[in-house]
Structure formats: structure tokens, C-alpha cells
Amino acid sequence: MRPGARMLPPLTRGLSRIGTAPSRMRILTGLAVASATALLIAVVWAADHGPDAPGPAGDLVRVGVVEGQSVSGYLRSSRGELAALLPASGSRSRGRRGRWSA
């Protein structure tokens, strides 16, 4: 028995009940257009309503050199801030050459 042998007779009976060839083509064309429209709407909706990124939950932290600031000035200030933060937290580990280890 072929795989489609059980389903094909009911489908052919259903298609013969739809009507003559011109009306059958109109119905099938309408179903195809409705399906394509539903698919297009679903794709546009999914693309438009993608996952929203949450906004910043608090203060905004900027890292890096600010426009107009020299790199050496940034390094000096960041080392000073890091030196002020680390001893306060109880961490006194130092890397080679006297620099804070990451």
C-alpha cells in the first residue's frame, strides 16, 4: 500500500464537492492568497515586535578616554581611582612591577 493511498480518496472527493474547475481555481487561489497574506503579516509582526532591550537600570557607566582627554591622563586617573577602591575593599594583591593585577 502506498503512503498516500489512504488520504488521496477523501481529498479527491472533497475537491469534487467544491464545484467545477473555474470555481475550484478561484477557491484555491483565494486560499493561497489568504495564506500568503497571513504569512506576510506574521513575518512583519515578528520583525517589528522583536525583543525589546531594557533601558539602563541606574547610573550609566562610561569606560574609556573621554574626548579631549589624553591617554596618559586617563591612565593616571584610572589608576588613582582603582587604588582608592581596592584597599577599601580589603584586596591588597599586587602584580609584577607594582601594578594592580587583574
N, C-alpha and C. Protein backbone atom coordinates (compact mmCIF):
# COMPACT_ATOMS: atom_id res chain seq x y z
N MET A 1 0.85 -1.17 0.00
CA MET A 1 0.00 0.00 0.00
C MET A 1 0.89 1.24 0.00
N ARG A 2 0.63 2.18 -0.85
CA ARG A 2 1.40 3.41 -0.95
C ARG A 2 1.04 4.34 0.20
N PRO A 3 1.98 5.19 0.62
CA PRO A 3 1.72 6.05 1.78
C PRO A 3 0.52 6.98 1.61
N GLY A 4 0.27 7.49 0.43
CA GLY A 4 -0.83 8.42 0.25
C GLY A 4 -2.14 7.76 -0.17
N ALA A 5 -2.18 6.45 -0.23
CA ALA A 5 -3.37 5.76 -0.72
C ALA A 5 -4.57 5.94 0.20
N ARG A 6 -4.36 6.13 1.47
CA ARG A 6 -5.49 6.28 2.39
C ARG A 6 -6.03 7.70 2.38
N MET A 7 -5.16 8.70 2.14
CA MET A 7 -5.59 10.09 2.19
C MET A 7 -6.10 10.62 0.85
N LEU A 8 -5.61 10.08 -0.23
CA LEU A 8 -5.99 10.63 -1.53
C LEU A 8 -7.48 10.47 -1.86
N PRO A 9 -8.12 9.34 -1.62
CA PRO A 9 -9.55 9.25 -1.95
C PRO A 9 -10.42 10.29 -1.22
N PRO A 10 -10.24 10.53 0.09
CA PRO A 10 -11.05 11.57 0.73
C PRO A 10 -10.76 12.96 0.18
N LEU A 11 -9.50 13.23 -0.15
CA LEU A 11 -9.17 14.54 -0.71
C LEU A 11 -9.80 14.74 -2.08
N THR A 12 -9.78 13.72 -2.91
CA THR A 12 -10.38 13.87 -4.24
C THR A 12 -11.89 14.02 -4.14
N ARG A 13 -12.51 13.34 -3.19
CA ARG A 13 -13.95 13.52 -3.00
C ARG A 13 -14.26 14.93 -2.54
N GLY A 14 -13.40 15.48 -1.63
CA GLY A 14 -13.61 16.83 -1.15
C GLY A 14 -13.44 17.85 -2.26
N LEU A 15 -12.46 17.65 -3.12
CA LEU A 15 -12.25 18.57 -4.22
C LEU A 15 -13.38 18.49 -5.24
N SER A 16 -13.93 17.31 -5.44
CA SER A 16 -15.03 17.21 -6.40
C SER A 16 -16.30 17.87 -5.86
N ARG A 17 -16.44 17.93 -4.54
CA ARG A 17 -17.61 18.59 -3.96
C ARG A 17 -17.51 20.11 -4.04
N ILE A 18 -16.30 20.65 -4.16
CA ILE A 18 -16.14 22.11 -4.21
C ILE A 18 -16.86 22.67 -5.41
N GLY A 19 -16.80 22.03 -6.51
CA GLY A 19 -17.50 22.53 -7.69
C GLY A 19 -16.72 22.29 -8.95
N THR A 20 -17.08 23.06 -9.95
CA THR A 20 -16.45 22.90 -11.25
C THR A 20 -15.06 23.53 -11.25
N ALA A 21 -14.36 23.35 -12.33
CA ALA A 21 -12.97 23.80 -12.44
C ALA A 21 -12.80 25.31 -12.22
N PRO A 22 -13.58 26.20 -12.82
CA PRO A 22 -13.36 27.63 -12.60
C PRO A 22 -13.58 28.04 -11.14
N SER A 23 -14.62 27.53 -10.50
CA SER A 23 -14.86 27.90 -9.11
C SER A 23 -13.81 27.26 -8.19
N ARG A 24 -13.37 26.07 -8.52
CA ARG A 24 -12.33 25.40 -7.74
C ARG A 24 -11.04 26.21 -7.79
N MET A 25 -10.70 26.72 -8.97
CA MET A 25 -9.49 27.52 -9.11
C MET A 25 -9.61 28.83 -8.31
N ARG A 26 -10.79 29.45 -8.32
CA ARG A 26 -10.99 30.67 -7.54
C ARG A 26 -10.83 30.40 -6.05
N ILE A 27 -11.39 29.31 -5.58
CA ILE A 27 -11.31 28.97 -4.16
C ILE A 27 -9.86 28.67 -3.76
N LEU A 28 -9.17 27.86 -4.57
CA LEU A 28 -7.78 27.53 -4.25
C LEU A 28 -6.88 28.75 -4.35
N THR A 29 -7.14 29.63 -5.31
CA THR A 29 -6.36 30.87 -5.42
C THR A 29 -6.62 31.76 -4.21
N GLY A 30 -7.87 31.86 -3.80
CA GLY A 30 -8.20 32.65 -2.60
C GLY A 30 -7.52 32.10 -1.36
N LEU A 31 -7.49 30.78 -1.21
CA LEU A 31 -6.81 30.17 -0.07
C LEU A 31 -5.31 30.44 -0.11
N ALA A 32 -4.73 30.36 -1.30
CA ALA A 32 -3.30 30.62 -1.44
C ALA A 32 -2.98 32.07 -1.11
N VAL A 33 -3.80 33.02 -1.58
CA VAL A 33 -3.57 34.44 -1.29
C VAL A 33 -3.77 34.72 0.19
N ALA A 34 -4.77 34.12 0.80
CA ALA A 34 -5.01 34.31 2.23
C ALA A 34 -3.85 33.74 3.06
N SER A 35 -3.33 32.60 2.66
CA SER A 35 -2.19 32.00 3.37
C SER A 35 -0.95 32.86 3.24
N ALA A 36 -0.68 33.35 2.03
CA ALA A 36 0.49 34.21 1.82
C ALA A 36 0.35 35.51 2.60
N THR A 37 -0.85 36.07 2.66
CA THR A 37 -1.07 37.30 3.41
C THR A 37 -0.87 37.07 4.90
N ALA A 38 -1.38 35.97 5.41
CA ALA A 38 -1.20 35.66 6.84
C ALA A 38 0.27 35.47 7.17
N LEU A 39 1.01 34.81 6.28
CA LEU A 39 2.44 34.61 6.49
C LEU A 39 3.18 35.94 6.48
N LEU A 40 2.85 36.80 5.54
CA LEU A 40 3.49 38.12 5.45
C LEU A 40 3.20 38.95 6.70
N ILE A 41 1.98 38.93 7.17
CA ILE A 41 1.62 39.68 8.38
C ILE A 41 2.38 39.14 9.59
N ALA A 42 2.50 37.82 9.69
CA ALA A 42 3.23 37.22 10.82
C ALA A 42 4.71 37.58 10.78
N VAL A 43 5.30 37.60 9.60
CA VAL A 43 6.72 37.95 9.48
C VAL A 43 6.95 39.42 9.83
N VAL A 44 6.11 40.30 9.34
CA VAL A 44 6.25 41.72 9.65
C VAL A 44 6.02 41.97 11.13
N TRP A 45 5.04 41.31 11.72
CA TRP A 45 4.77 41.48 13.14
C TRP A 45 5.95 40.99 13.98
N ALA A 46 6.52 39.84 13.62
CA ALA A 46 7.65 39.30 14.37
C ALA A 46 8.88 40.19 14.24
N ALA A 47 9.09 40.76 13.06
CA ALA A 47 10.25 41.63 12.86
C ALA A 47 10.05 42.97 13.56
N ASP A 48 8.83 43.46 13.59
CA ASP A 48 8.55 44.76 14.20
C ASP A 48 8.53 44.68 15.72
N HIS A 49 8.05 43.59 16.27
CA HIS A 49 7.91 43.44 17.71
C HIS A 49 8.95 42.47 18.25
N GLY A 50 10.22 42.67 17.85
CA GLY A 50 11.30 41.82 18.34
C GLY A 50 11.54 42.06 19.81
N PRO A 51 12.49 41.37 20.37
CA PRO A 51 12.77 41.54 21.79
C PRO A 51 13.26 42.96 22.06
N ASP A 52 12.62 43.62 23.02
CA ASP A 52 13.00 44.98 23.38
C ASP A 52 14.15 44.94 24.36
N ALA A 53 15.14 45.74 24.10
CA ALA A 53 16.27 45.84 25.02
C ALA A 53 15.88 46.74 26.18
N PRO A 54 16.11 46.27 27.40
CA PRO A 54 15.77 47.12 28.55
C PRO A 54 16.70 48.32 28.62
N GLY A 55 16.18 49.43 29.11
CA GLY A 55 16.97 50.63 29.26
C GLY A 55 17.91 50.49 30.44
N PRO A 56 18.81 51.44 30.59
CA PRO A 56 19.72 51.37 31.73
C PRO A 56 18.94 51.43 33.04
N ALA A 57 19.29 50.55 33.97
CA ALA A 57 18.55 50.43 35.22
C ALA A 57 19.05 51.38 36.29
N GLY A 58 20.04 52.13 35.99
CA GLY A 58 20.58 53.04 37.01
C GLY A 58 21.52 54.03 36.35
N ASP A 59 22.59 54.33 37.05
CA ASP A 59 23.57 55.25 36.51
C ASP A 59 24.28 54.63 35.32
N LEU A 60 24.61 55.45 34.38
CA LEU A 60 25.31 54.99 33.19
C LEU A 60 26.80 55.06 33.46
N VAL A 61 27.49 53.97 33.23
CA VAL A 61 28.92 53.91 33.47
C VAL A 61 29.63 54.00 32.14
N ARG A 62 30.50 54.97 32.01
CA ARG A 62 31.29 55.14 30.79
C ARG A 62 32.72 54.72 31.09
N VAL A 63 33.28 53.95 30.18
CA VAL A 63 34.64 53.46 30.35
C VAL A 63 35.44 53.88 29.14
N GLY A 64 36.63 54.43 29.38
CA GLY A 64 37.50 54.79 28.28
C GLY A 64 37.88 56.25 28.33
N VAL A 65 38.63 56.65 27.33
CA VAL A 65 39.13 58.01 27.24
C VAL A 65 38.02 58.92 26.75
N VAL A 66 37.78 60.01 27.46
CA VAL A 66 36.78 61.00 27.09
C VAL A 66 37.37 61.87 25.99
N GLU A 67 36.53 62.38 25.14
CA GLU A 67 37.01 63.22 24.05
C GLU A 67 37.76 64.43 24.61
N GLY A 68 38.98 64.64 24.11
CA GLY A 68 39.80 65.74 24.57
C GLY A 68 40.77 65.35 25.68
N GLN A 69 40.59 64.18 26.29
CA GLN A 69 41.47 63.73 27.36
C GLN A 69 42.60 62.91 26.75
N SER A 70 43.80 63.06 27.30
CA SER A 70 44.93 62.28 26.79
C SER A 70 44.88 60.88 27.38
N VAL A 71 45.51 59.96 26.69
CA VAL A 71 45.54 58.58 27.16
C VAL A 71 46.32 58.49 28.46
N SER A 72 47.42 59.21 28.54
CA SER A 72 48.22 59.17 29.78
C SER A 72 47.43 59.76 30.95
N GLY A 73 46.63 60.80 30.70
CA GLY A 73 45.79 61.36 31.75
C GLY A 73 44.72 60.37 32.19
N TYR A 74 44.17 59.64 31.23
CA TYR A 74 43.17 58.61 31.56
C TYR A 74 43.80 57.51 32.40
N LEU A 75 45.00 57.07 32.02
CA LEU A 75 45.67 56.02 32.78
C LEU A 75 45.97 56.47 34.20
N ARG A 76 46.44 57.72 34.36
CA ARG A 76 46.74 58.24 35.70
C ARG A 76 45.47 58.28 36.55
N SER A 77 44.40 58.82 36.00
CA SER A 77 43.17 58.94 36.79
C SER A 77 42.55 57.59 37.09
N SER A 78 42.61 56.65 36.14
CA SER A 78 42.02 55.33 36.39
C SER A 78 42.83 54.56 37.42
N ARG A 79 44.16 54.70 37.39
CA ARG A 79 44.98 54.04 38.41
C ARG A 79 44.70 54.63 39.79
N GLY A 80 44.52 55.94 39.85
CA GLY A 80 44.20 56.56 41.13
C GLY A 80 42.85 56.09 41.67
N GLU A 81 41.86 56.00 40.78
CA GLU A 81 40.54 55.53 41.23
C GLU A 81 40.60 54.08 41.66
N LEU A 82 41.34 53.26 40.91
CA LEU A 82 41.48 51.85 41.25
C LEU A 82 42.21 51.69 42.58
N ALA A 83 43.24 52.48 42.80
CA ALA A 83 43.98 52.41 44.06
C ALA A 83 43.09 52.81 45.23
N ALA A 84 42.18 53.75 45.00
CA ALA A 84 41.27 54.16 46.07
C ALA A 84 40.21 53.09 46.34
N LEU A 85 39.81 52.35 45.33
CA LEU A 85 38.76 51.34 45.51
C LEU A 85 39.27 50.03 46.10
N LEU A 86 40.43 49.57 45.64
CA LEU A 86 40.90 48.25 46.07
C LEU A 86 41.25 48.16 47.55
N PRO A 87 42.02 49.08 48.14
CA PRO A 87 42.29 48.95 49.58
C PRO A 87 41.02 49.06 50.42
N ALA A 88 40.04 49.81 49.95
CA ALA A 88 38.79 49.94 50.71
C ALA A 88 38.04 48.62 50.73
N SER A 89 38.23 47.78 49.70
CA SER A 89 37.52 46.50 49.66
C SER A 89 38.28 45.40 50.37
N GLY A 90 39.51 45.67 50.80
CA GLY A 90 40.28 44.67 51.53
C GLY A 90 41.20 43.86 50.63
N SER A 91 41.23 44.11 49.34
CA SER A 91 42.09 43.38 48.43
C SER A 91 43.40 44.13 48.25
N ARG A 92 44.53 43.47 48.61
CA ARG A 92 45.82 44.14 48.52
C ARG A 92 46.78 43.37 47.61
N SER A 93 46.27 42.57 46.71
CA SER A 93 47.15 41.79 45.83
C SER A 93 47.73 42.70 44.77
N ARG A 94 49.05 42.57 44.57
CA ARG A 94 49.73 43.37 43.55
C ARG A 94 50.39 42.43 42.56
N GLY A 95 50.42 42.86 41.32
CA GLY A 95 51.10 42.10 40.28
C GLY A 95 52.56 42.47 40.22
N ARG A 96 53.21 42.10 39.14
CA ARG A 96 54.62 42.43 38.97
C ARG A 96 54.77 43.94 38.71
N ARG A 97 55.91 44.47 39.06
CA ARG A 97 56.28 45.86 38.83
C ARG A 97 55.34 46.84 39.53
N GLY A 98 54.70 46.42 40.58
CA GLY A 98 53.91 47.36 41.38
C GLY A 98 52.55 47.71 40.79
N ARG A 99 52.11 47.03 39.78
CA ARG A 99 50.80 47.33 39.20
C ARG A 99 49.75 46.40 39.78
N TRP A 100 48.52 46.86 39.80
CA TRP A 100 47.43 46.04 40.31
C TRP A 100 47.18 44.92 39.32
N SER A 101 47.02 43.72 39.82
CA SER A 101 46.76 42.58 38.92
C SER A 101 45.28 42.49 38.63
N ALA A 102 44.97 42.01 37.43
CA ALA A 102 43.58 41.92 37.01
C ALA A 102 42.97 40.60 37.42
